Amino acid sequence: MLAERGRIKLAPGPREWIATALNRTPAHEAQLNHEVAIRSREILPAHEDPADRFLVATALVYDLTLVTADETLIRAKPCPILVNR
């Protein structure tokens, strides 16, 4: 969405940028399952962004550290966070 809104540029395009990033980084996908979905509704009650809620719930369910520059999440500290500025 940030690329669609012109806030970041992903060259040559989002699909290619993501494929390149995943090839360069030893990352694993965390499955969106019923536990993540349920936790997303139990956390951050005042936070309206469903994507942020899913990210935090995923970090909590899988015992991960969330890397973010989002000031709202950094201030809320809903899970372990590594600030990326």
Protein backbone atom coordinates (compact mmCIF):
# COMPACT_ATOMS: atom_id res chain seq x y z
CA MET A 1 0.00 0.00 0.00
CA LEU A 2 2.89 2.37 0.68
CA ALA A 3 4.16 1.80 -2.85
CA GLU A 4 0.68 2.28 -4.28
CA ARG A 5 0.42 5.60 -2.44
CA GLY A 6 3.87 6.71 -3.64
CA ARG A 7 5.34 6.78 -0.13
CA ILE A 8 8.04 4.23 -1.05
CA LYS A 9 9.45 3.03 -4.37
CA LEU A 10 9.91 -0.68 -4.98
CA ALA A 11 11.96 -1.07 -8.15
CA PRO A 12 11.41 -2.59 -10.60
CA GLY A 13 8.02 -3.37 -9.02
CA PRO A 14 6.56 -4.77 -5.77
CA ARG A 15 6.46 -8.43 -6.87
CA GLU A 16 10.06 -8.37 -8.12
CA TRP A 17 11.31 -6.39 -5.10
CA ILE A 18 9.74 -8.88 -2.67
CA ALA A 19 11.17 -11.87 -4.57
CA THR A 20 14.65 -10.33 -4.49
CA ALA A 21 14.39 -9.45 -0.80
CA LEU A 22 13.27 -12.97 0.12
CA ASN A 23 16.11 -14.50 -1.89
CA ARG A 24 18.65 -12.33 -0.02
CA THR A 25 17.25 -12.83 3.46
CA PRO A 26 16.92 -16.08 5.40
CA ALA A 27 13.23 -15.51 6.14
CA HIS A 28 10.44 -17.96 6.85
CA GLU A 29 6.74 -17.35 6.46
CA ALA A 30 4.56 -17.38 9.57
CA GLN A 31 1.22 -18.97 8.82
CA LEU A 32 -1.92 -16.91 9.34
CA ASN A 33 -4.00 -19.37 11.35
CA HIS A 34 -6.97 -19.27 13.71
CA GLU A 35 -4.76 -18.44 16.73
CA VAL A 36 -3.30 -15.39 14.97
CA ALA A 37 -6.77 -14.30 13.87
CA ILE A 38 -8.17 -14.61 17.40
CA ARG A 39 -5.18 -12.82 18.99
CA SER A 40 -5.54 -9.99 16.46
CA ARG A 41 -8.91 -9.18 18.00
CA GLU A 42 -7.66 -9.41 21.61
CA ILE A 43 -4.75 -6.96 21.29
CA LEU A 44 -4.52 -3.23 20.71
CA PRO A 45 -8.24 -2.58 21.24
CA ALA A 46 -7.97 1.08 20.20
CA HIS A 47 -5.81 0.36 17.15
CA GLU A 48 -7.94 0.36 14.02
CA ASP A 49 -5.41 -0.89 11.43
CA PRO A 50 -6.15 -4.59 10.87
CA ALA A 51 -2.79 -5.15 9.17
CA ASP A 52 -0.93 -3.89 12.26
CA ARG A 53 -3.11 -6.07 14.48
CA PHE A 54 -2.25 -9.15 12.37
CA LEU A 55 1.47 -8.30 12.46
CA VAL A 56 1.47 -7.94 16.25
CA ALA A 57 -0.65 -11.07 16.73
CA THR A 58 1.71 -13.05 14.48
CA ALA A 59 4.72 -11.85 16.49
CA LEU A 60 3.02 -12.87 19.73
CA VAL A 61 1.80 -16.29 18.55
CA TYR A 62 5.13 -17.26 17.00
CA ASP A 63 7.30 -15.59 19.68
CA LEU A 64 8.90 -13.21 17.18
CA THR A 65 10.29 -9.69 17.33
CA LEU A 66 8.43 -7.19 15.17
CA VAL A 67 10.70 -4.90 13.13
CA THR A 68 8.90 -1.61 12.54
CA ALA A 69 9.25 2.14 12.15
CA ASP A 70 5.57 2.64 13.02
CA GLU A 71 5.52 5.13 15.90
CA THR A 72 2.12 3.96 17.11
CA LEU A 73 3.36 0.38 17.55
CA ILE A 74 6.69 1.49 19.01
CA ARG A 75 4.89 3.56 21.67
CA ALA A 76 2.33 0.82 22.42
CA LYS A 77 4.99 -1.91 22.82
CA PRO A 78 2.42 -4.67 22.26
CA CYS A 79 5.16 -7.24 21.58
CA PRO A 80 8.96 -7.35 21.37
CA ILE A 81 9.95 -4.62 18.88
CA LEU A 82 13.14 -3.77 17.01
CA VAL A 83 12.89 -0.15 15.92
CA ASN A 84 13.79 0.32 12.26
CA ARG A 85 14.28 3.97 11.36
